[in-house]
Amino acid sequence: PRAAGDMALIVALVAGASAFVPAAAPHARAGLRVAAPLLTPQLPAVQKGRCAALRLQEAAEAPPPAEKDGLMETLTTTSFFALWYLFNIGYNIYNKKALNALPIPYSMATLQLLVGIPYCFFLWSTGLRKAPKLSLDNIKTLVPISLGHLGTHIGAVVSLGAGAVSFTHIVKASEPVVSAALSAALLGAVYSPITYLTLLPIVGGVALASLKELSFTWLGFIAAMGSNLSSALRGILAKKTMGGGVGENMTEANLYGVLTILAFLFILPISLAIEPPAAILSAINAAVASGCSSSYLWKQSLLAGAFYYLYNEVAFLALGRVNPVTHAVGNTIKRVVIIIASVIAFKTPISTLGVVGSSIAIFGTLLYSLAKSKFG
């Protein structure tokens, strides 16, 4: 439908532009068409040949509609992937800068969830996006999934605050291992032996990368694994409870918006209990005393929240347009791009063994996704 709309717009523009074409050309063409009935009785074969040639020429010049639609779809999907990567890089950089200045990860995670909520309500209240319609039972169904979403986010933020961005993403590359184990335990889902074999390079690669990781911390490692566990649980719970969908107008973007709102409501009391207002104020005062301005702190924190919501929403839109294999390749490339960008942005030192290990782990993640798609 979107490509058809683009075609209609192009036709309208061409029709409007024809008003500016010199009169001679249309007159000549019109003359040729008017003369056709007069010439047909006298030279039918010649005239039919001319008409056929003209139709063939016009058909050759006009691009096939299917090809144009396919091109528009490809360009749209490519744009979504590019924005997904761009927003993800922005989030990881601004989030790390904010956490370096303000080591209060729970408060940061809470703020990042909060920033996206006004954006959701703006789209719903203005009609730019249909508002979701949920019953109380629908909300109860989404609560466990939102808790998995919350655990995924908290674990990642704590890990990013405790260690290097690159190391967090190396550990998070092991998520398929956790997902496979939980799927077998909770869903009884057993995969092909080939699929399980692809988990070996993931485990081995993460172990190698962690062995000589210069920025290794146990807190960062455990928090990243906790994020993996929560992410896997979120996916399993969604399969078990949302098989037939839930509510009305629950598009992928709206589902993410609702999960964000629920996650914020759950994290707020937890955050205030772990990092009360006095602790937050103390962290801000320490950051200002060390040379950070208030505007700098607000800028890093709010941009991290904005990029967090945008990259997740665009990810939903991008991955909803492609098949599992393209999804796997895109996700792998995303992780590589983030690791490289963070190493450049923060000049993070990585050992040779770390580079080799992370490469093996990320490649293993790609193999796992491809094997699962092909063999089950």
Protein backbone atom coordinates (compact mmCIF):
# COMPACT_ATOMS: atom_id res chain seq x y z
CA PRO A 1 0.00 0.00 0.00
CA ARG A 2 2.85 2.36 0.78
CA ALA A 3 4.51 1.65 -2.59
CA ALA A 4 1.16 2.12 -4.37
CA GLY A 5 0.80 5.49 -2.68
CA ASP A 6 4.26 6.46 -3.90
CA MET A 7 3.29 5.41 -7.44
CA ALA A 8 0.14 7.55 -7.26
CA LEU A 9 2.20 10.52 -6.10
CA ILE A 10 4.67 10.03 -8.97
CA VAL A 11 1.80 9.81 -11.52
CA ALA A 12 0.29 13.01 -10.11
CA LEU A 13 3.62 14.81 -10.35
CA VAL A 14 4.13 13.64 -13.94
CA ALA A 15 0.62 14.75 -14.85
CA GLY A 16 1.25 18.17 -13.34
CA ALA A 17 4.60 18.48 -15.07
CA SER A 18 3.03 17.74 -18.46
CA ALA A 19 1.37 21.16 -18.31
CA PHE A 20 4.82 22.72 -18.75
CA VAL A 21 5.77 20.63 -21.82
CA PRO A 22 6.02 22.70 -25.05
CA ALA A 23 2.90 22.49 -27.16
CA ALA A 24 4.67 21.10 -30.24
CA ALA A 25 5.35 17.69 -28.83
CA PRO A 26 1.83 16.86 -27.70
CA HIS A 27 0.43 18.34 -30.92
CA ALA A 28 2.59 16.06 -32.99
CA ARG A 29 1.60 13.02 -30.97
CA ALA A 30 -2.04 14.03 -31.04
CA GLY A 31 -1.82 14.48 -34.80
CA LEU A 32 -0.47 10.97 -35.17
CA ARG A 33 -3.35 9.56 -33.15
CA VAL A 34 -6.02 11.62 -34.98
CA ALA A 35 -4.68 10.52 -38.34
CA ALA A 36 -4.96 6.87 -37.41
CA PRO A 37 -8.60 6.36 -38.51
CA LEU A 38 -7.89 7.98 -41.90
CA LEU A 39 -4.83 5.88 -42.58
CA THR A 40 -6.24 2.58 -41.39
CA PRO A 41 -8.44 1.84 -44.47
CA GLN A 42 -5.64 2.73 -46.90
CA LEU A 43 -2.55 1.20 -45.22
CA PRO A 44 -3.82 -1.10 -42.47
CA ALA A 45 -0.66 -3.19 -42.15
CA VAL A 46 1.68 -0.20 -41.96
CA GLN A 47 -0.52 1.67 -39.51
CA LYS A 48 -0.93 -1.36 -37.21
CA GLY A 49 2.80 -1.85 -37.28
CA ARG A 50 3.36 1.78 -36.25
CA CYS A 51 0.87 1.48 -33.35
CA ALA A 52 2.42 -1.76 -32.18
CA ALA A 53 5.92 -0.26 -32.31
CA LEU A 54 4.73 2.80 -30.38
CA ARG A 55 3.13 0.62 -27.69
CA LEU A 56 6.29 -1.48 -27.40
CA GLN A 57 8.43 1.64 -27.07
CA GLU A 58 6.18 3.09 -24.34
CA ALA A 59 6.13 -0.24 -22.51
CA ALA A 60 9.91 -0.44 -22.65
CA GLU A 61 10.34 3.07 -21.30
CA ALA A 62 7.93 2.58 -18.37
CA PRO A 63 9.49 0.73 -15.40
CA PRO A 64 7.54 -2.35 -14.28
CA PRO A 65 5.33 -1.49 -11.27
CA ALA A 66 6.46 -4.61 -9.39
CA GLU A 67 10.10 -3.63 -9.71
CA LYS A 68 9.36 -0.11 -8.50
CA ASP A 69 7.39 -1.45 -5.52
CA GLY A 70 10.21 -3.84 -4.69
CA LEU A 71 12.75 -1.03 -4.87
CA MET A 72 10.71 1.16 -2.52
CA GLU A 73 10.35 -1.72 -0.04
CA THR A 74 14.10 -2.37 -0.14
CA LEU A 75 14.93 1.30 0.37
CA THR A 76 12.46 1.57 3.28
CA THR A 77 13.81 -1.54 5.01
CA THR A 78 17.41 -0.40 4.49
CA SER A 79 16.54 2.98 6.00
CA PHE A 80 15.04 1.29 9.07
CA PHE A 81 18.15 -0.82 9.56
CA ALA A 82 20.42 2.22 9.17
CA LEU A 83 18.40 4.15 11.76
CA TRP A 84 18.38 1.13 14.06
CA TYR A 85 22.18 0.99 14.02
CA LEU A 86 22.55 4.76 14.29
CA PHE A 87 20.18 5.11 17.27
CA ASN A 88 21.75 2.09 18.97
CA ILE A 89 25.23 3.59 18.69
CA GLY A 90 23.89 6.90 20.01
CA TYR A 91 22.27 5.19 22.98
CA ASN A 92 25.36 3.22 23.97
CA ILE A 93 27.63 6.26 23.76
CA TYR A 94 25.35 8.73 25.59
CA ASN A 95 24.35 6.12 28.17
CA LYS A 96 27.99 5.35 28.96
CA LYS A 97 28.85 9.05 29.24
CA ALA A 98 25.91 9.60 31.59
CA LEU A 99 26.88 6.61 33.74
CA ASN A 100 30.52 7.72 33.88
CA ALA A 101 29.38 11.07 35.28
CA LEU A 102 26.50 9.75 37.41
CA PRO A 103 27.07 6.18 38.70
CA ILE A 104 23.42 5.62 39.56
CA PRO A 105 22.36 2.91 37.07
CA TYR A 106 18.88 2.24 38.50
CA SER A 107 17.95 5.92 38.33
CA MET A 108 19.33 6.10 34.79
CA ALA A 109 17.36 3.03 33.72
CA THR A 110 14.20 4.58 35.21
CA LEU A 111 14.78 7.90 33.42
CA GLN A 112 15.41 6.15 30.11
CA LEU A 113 12.08 4.33 30.35
CA LEU A 114 10.31 7.55 31.35
CA VAL A 115 11.61 9.59 28.40
CA GLY A 116 9.76 7.46 25.85
CA ILE A 117 6.36 7.66 27.55
CA PRO A 118 5.44 11.28 26.56
CA TYR A 119 6.38 10.36 22.99
CA CYS A 120 3.87 7.46 23.07
CA PHE A 121 1.07 9.57 24.52
CA PHE A 122 1.72 12.33 21.99
CA LEU A 123 1.30 9.91 19.07
CA TRP A 124 -1.82 8.35 20.59
CA SER A 125 -3.51 11.62 21.62
CA THR A 126 -2.96 13.30 18.24
CA GLY A 127 -4.15 10.30 16.25
CA LEU A 128 -0.81 9.93 14.48
CA ARG A 129 -0.88 6.37 15.76
CA LYS A 130 -3.97 4.42 16.83
CA ALA A 131 -4.10 4.11 20.61
CA PRO A 132 -4.05 0.57 22.00
CA LYS A 133 -7.22 -0.76 23.60
CA LEU A 134 -6.56 -3.13 26.47
CA SER A 135 -8.79 -4.79 29.03
CA LEU A 136 -7.69 -5.55 32.58
CA ASP A 137 -7.09 -9.18 31.57
CA ASN A 138 -4.94 -7.99 28.65
CA ILE A 139 -2.82 -5.91 31.01
CA LYS A 140 -2.43 -8.88 33.38
CA THR A 141 -1.19 -10.92 30.42
CA LEU A 142 1.41 -8.28 29.58
CA VAL A 143 2.71 -7.82 33.15
CA PRO A 144 5.10 -10.84 33.16
CA ILE A 145 6.41 -9.86 29.73
CA SER A 146 6.99 -6.28 30.90
CA LEU A 147 8.96 -7.63 33.88
CA GLY A 148 11.17 -9.56 31.46
CA HIS A 149 11.56 -6.36 29.46
CA LEU A 150 12.49 -4.50 32.65
CA GLY A 151 15.07 -7.09 33.69
CA THR A 152 16.64 -6.96 30.24
CA HIS A 153 17.02 -3.19 30.47
CA ILE A 154 18.24 -3.01 34.09
CA GLY A 155 20.83 -5.73 33.53
CA ALA A 156 22.20 -4.00 30.46
CA VAL A 157 22.40 -0.56 32.13
CA VAL A 158 24.12 -1.95 35.25
CA SER A 159 26.59 -3.88 33.07
CA LEU A 160 27.32 -0.85 30.89
CA GLY A 161 27.98 1.21 34.00
CA ALA A 162 30.29 -1.41 35.55
CA GLY A 163 32.49 -2.12 32.52
CA ALA A 164 33.24 -1.29 28.92
CA VAL A 165 30.45 -1.10 26.34
CA SER A 166 32.30 -3.55 24.12
CA PHE A 167 32.57 -6.15 26.90
CA THR A 168 28.86 -5.92 27.72
CA HIS A 169 27.95 -6.66 24.11
CA ILE A 170 30.40 -9.53 23.91
CA VAL A 171 28.69 -11.16 26.91
CA LYS A 172 25.23 -10.37 25.53
CA ALA A 173 26.19 -12.28 22.39
CA SER A 174 25.73 -15.43 24.51
CA GLU A 175 21.97 -14.85 24.81
CA PRO A 176 21.16 -17.78 22.43
CA VAL A 177 22.74 -20.19 24.94
CA VAL A 178 20.41 -18.98 27.70
CA SER A 179 17.43 -18.94 25.36
CA ALA A 180 18.02 -22.52 24.17
CA ALA A 181 18.34 -23.78 27.76
CA LEU A 182 15.20 -22.03 28.99
CA SER A 183 13.17 -23.03 25.92
CA ALA A 184 14.01 -26.68 26.62
CA ALA A 185 13.23 -26.36 30.34
CA LEU A 186 10.05 -24.27 30.19
CA LEU A 187 8.57 -24.98 26.76
CA GLY A 188 9.94 -28.46 26.11
CA ALA A 189 11.36 -27.14 22.84
CA VAL A 190 14.18 -29.37 21.58
CA TYR A 191 16.26 -28.13 18.65
CA SER A 192 18.31 -29.96 16.06
CA PRO A 193 21.75 -31.30 17.17
CA ILE A 194 23.32 -29.02 14.55
CA THR A 195 21.67 -26.02 16.20
CA TYR A 196 23.03 -27.01 19.60
CA LEU A 197 26.53 -27.48 18.15
CA THR A 198 26.56 -23.83 17.08
CA LEU A 199 26.33 -22.86 20.77
CA LEU A 200 29.88 -24.14 21.35
CA PRO A 201 31.67 -21.26 19.54
CA ILE A 202 29.45 -18.79 21.44
CA VAL A 203 30.43 -20.20 24.83
CA GLY A 204 34.08 -20.59 23.83
CA GLY A 205 34.29 -17.12 22.30
CA VAL A 206 32.80 -15.37 25.34
CA ALA A 207 35.13 -17.35 27.61
CA LEU A 208 38.19 -16.36 25.55
CA ALA A 209 37.14 -12.71 25.41
CA SER A 210 36.54 -12.65 29.18
CA LEU A 211 39.81 -14.37 30.03
CA LYS A 212 42.06 -11.45 29.12
CA GLU A 213 39.49 -8.66 29.01
CA LEU A 214 41.21 -5.56 30.35
CA SER A 215 37.92 -4.02 31.53
CA PHE A 216 36.48 -7.23 33.02
CA THR A 217 34.37 -6.89 36.17
CA TRP A 218 32.24 -9.58 37.77
CA LEU A 219 29.40 -7.10 38.24
CA GLY A 220 29.43 -6.26 34.53
CA PHE A 221 29.52 -9.95 33.57
CA ILE A 222 26.76 -11.05 35.96
CA ALA A 223 24.51 -8.08 35.05
CA ALA A 224 24.91 -8.78 31.32
CA MET A 225 24.05 -12.46 31.87
CA GLY A 226 21.05 -11.34 33.94
CA SER A 227 19.99 -9.22 30.98
CA ASN A 228 20.31 -12.28 28.73
CA LEU A 229 18.22 -14.36 31.14
CA SER A 230 15.47 -11.71 31.31
CA SER A 231 15.44 -11.29 27.53
CA ALA A 232 15.07 -15.04 27.00
CA LEU A 233 12.28 -15.20 29.59
CA ARG A 234 10.52 -12.28 27.92
CA GLY A 235 10.49 -14.14 24.61
CA ILE A 236 9.27 -17.39 26.19
CA LEU A 237 6.53 -15.66 28.17
CA ALA A 238 5.38 -13.85 25.05
CA LYS A 239 5.07 -17.18 23.22
CA LYS A 240 3.14 -18.79 26.05
CA THR A 241 0.72 -15.94 26.77
CA MET A 242 0.38 -14.00 23.52
CA GLY A 243 -0.11 -16.73 20.95
CA GLY A 244 -3.32 -15.20 19.60
CA GLY A 245 -2.38 -11.58 20.19
CA VAL A 246 -3.70 -9.29 22.89
CA GLY A 247 -5.95 -6.22 22.82
CA GLU A 248 -6.76 -3.97 19.86
CA ASN A 249 -4.40 -1.79 17.80
CA MET A 250 -1.47 -3.67 19.34
CA THR A 251 1.01 -3.18 16.56
CA GLU A 252 4.65 -3.96 17.24
CA ALA A 253 5.37 -0.31 18.03
CA ASN A 254 2.35 -0.06 20.36
CA LEU A 255 3.29 -3.30 22.11
CA TYR A 256 6.72 -1.89 22.83
CA GLY A 257 5.16 1.36 24.10
CA VAL A 258 2.83 -0.47 26.50
CA LEU A 259 5.66 -2.69 27.79
CA THR A 260 7.75 0.44 28.40
CA ILE A 261 4.97 2.08 30.43
CA LEU A 262 4.44 -1.04 32.56
CA ALA A 263 8.19 -1.49 33.06
CA PHE A 264 8.50 2.11 34.25
CA LEU A 265 5.71 1.64 36.80
CA PHE A 266 7.51 -1.40 38.21
CA ILE A 267 11.02 0.05 38.27
CA LEU A 268 10.09 3.37 39.92
CA PRO A 269 9.66 2.05 43.50
CA ILE A 270 12.64 -0.30 43.08
CA SER A 271 14.85 2.55 41.92
CA LEU A 272 13.77 4.86 44.75
CA ALA A 273 14.47 2.10 47.30
CA ILE A 274 17.97 1.34 45.97
CA GLU A 275 18.93 4.91 45.03
CA PRO A 276 16.81 7.32 47.11
CA PRO A 277 16.67 11.04 46.29
CA ALA A 278 19.53 11.74 48.72
CA ALA A 279 21.81 9.33 46.81
CA ILE A 280 20.82 10.89 43.49
CA LEU A 281 21.50 14.40 44.76
CA SER A 282 24.86 13.29 46.16
CA ALA A 283 25.85 11.82 42.78
CA ILE A 284 24.85 15.02 40.99
CA ASN A 285 26.83 17.19 43.41
CA ALA A 286 29.89 14.96 43.01
CA ALA A 287 29.63 15.17 39.23
CA VAL A 288 29.34 18.97 39.31
CA ALA A 289 32.30 19.19 41.71
CA SER A 290 34.38 17.10 39.30
CA GLY A 291 33.77 19.62 36.49
CA CYS A 292 30.55 18.43 34.83
CA SER A 293 27.96 21.13 34.28
CA SER A 294 24.28 20.57 35.00
CA SER A 295 23.46 21.07 31.33
CA TYR A 296 25.98 18.36 30.39
CA LEU A 297 24.43 15.89 32.83
CA TRP A 298 20.90 16.58 31.62
CA LYS A 299 21.95 16.39 27.97
CA GLN A 300 23.68 13.00 28.28
CA SER A 301 20.88 11.53 30.39
CA LEU A 302 17.96 12.71 28.25
CA LEU A 303 19.65 11.86 24.95
CA ALA A 304 20.40 8.39 26.25
CA GLY A 305 16.69 7.96 27.05
CA ALA A 306 15.57 9.31 23.67
CA PHE A 307 17.97 7.10 21.73
CA TYR A 308 16.99 4.10 23.86
CA TYR A 309 13.32 4.37 22.96
CA LEU A 310 13.93 5.23 19.31
CA TYR A 311 16.37 2.41 18.64
CA ASN A 312 14.01 -0.16 20.14
CA GLU A 313 10.99 1.13 18.22
CA VAL A 314 12.89 1.25 14.93
CA ALA A 315 14.22 -2.25 15.65
CA PHE A 316 10.63 -3.51 15.92
CA LEU A 317 9.76 -1.82 12.63
CA ALA A 318 12.88 -3.08 10.83
CA LEU A 319 12.76 -6.67 12.03
CA GLY A 320 9.03 -6.91 11.28
CA ARG A 321 9.81 -6.41 7.56
CA VAL A 322 12.40 -9.17 7.08
CA ASN A 323 12.69 -12.96 7.36
CA PRO A 324 14.54 -14.72 10.22
CA VAL A 325 17.78 -15.10 8.24
CA THR A 326 17.99 -11.39 7.43
CA HIS A 327 17.08 -10.69 11.06
CA ALA A 328 19.99 -12.85 12.23
CA VAL A 329 22.47 -11.20 9.89
CA GLY A 330 21.24 -7.71 10.81
CA ASN A 331 21.46 -8.42 14.53
CA THR A 332 25.00 -9.77 14.17
CA ILE A 333 26.15 -6.78 12.16
CA LYS A 334 24.53 -4.48 14.73
CA ARG A 335 26.57 -5.98 17.55
CA VAL A 336 29.80 -5.67 15.55
CA VAL A 337 29.01 -2.05 14.68
CA ILE A 338 28.31 -1.16 18.34
CA ILE A 339 31.51 -2.81 19.58
CA ILE A 340 33.65 -1.04 16.98
CA ALA A 341 31.92 2.32 17.55
CA SER A 342 32.32 2.10 21.33
CA VAL A 343 35.99 1.13 21.08
CA ILE A 344 36.61 4.17 18.85
CA ALA A 345 34.49 6.56 20.94
CA PHE A 346 35.96 5.59 24.33
CA LYS A 347 39.39 4.38 23.15
CA THR A 348 38.76 1.12 25.00
CA PRO A 349 41.84 -1.14 25.03
CA ILE A 350 41.09 -4.70 23.86
CA SER A 351 43.57 -7.56 23.99
CA THR A 352 44.27 -9.75 20.95
CA LEU A 353 42.59 -12.65 22.72
CA GLY A 354 39.59 -10.39 23.33
CA VAL A 355 39.29 -9.59 19.63
CA VAL A 356 39.58 -13.26 18.66
CA GLY A 357 37.12 -14.38 21.33
CA SER A 358 34.52 -11.73 20.54
CA SER A 359 34.76 -12.52 16.81
CA ILE A 360 34.20 -16.23 17.47
CA ALA A 361 31.26 -15.54 19.79
CA ILE A 362 29.54 -13.15 17.40
CA PHE A 363 30.08 -15.50 14.45
CA GLY A 364 28.67 -18.34 16.57
CA THR A 365 25.57 -16.24 17.27
CA LEU A 366 25.03 -15.83 13.54
CA LEU A 367 25.50 -19.58 12.95
CA TYR A 368 23.01 -20.37 15.71
CA SER A 369 20.34 -18.10 14.22
CA LEU A 370 20.86 -19.53 10.74
CA ALA A 371 20.87 -23.15 11.98
CA LYS A 372 17.73 -22.60 14.07
CA SER A 373 15.98 -21.09 11.05
CA LYS A 374 16.98 -23.98 8.75
CA PHE A 375 17.01 -27.06 10.99
CA GLY A 376 14.87 -26.00 13.95
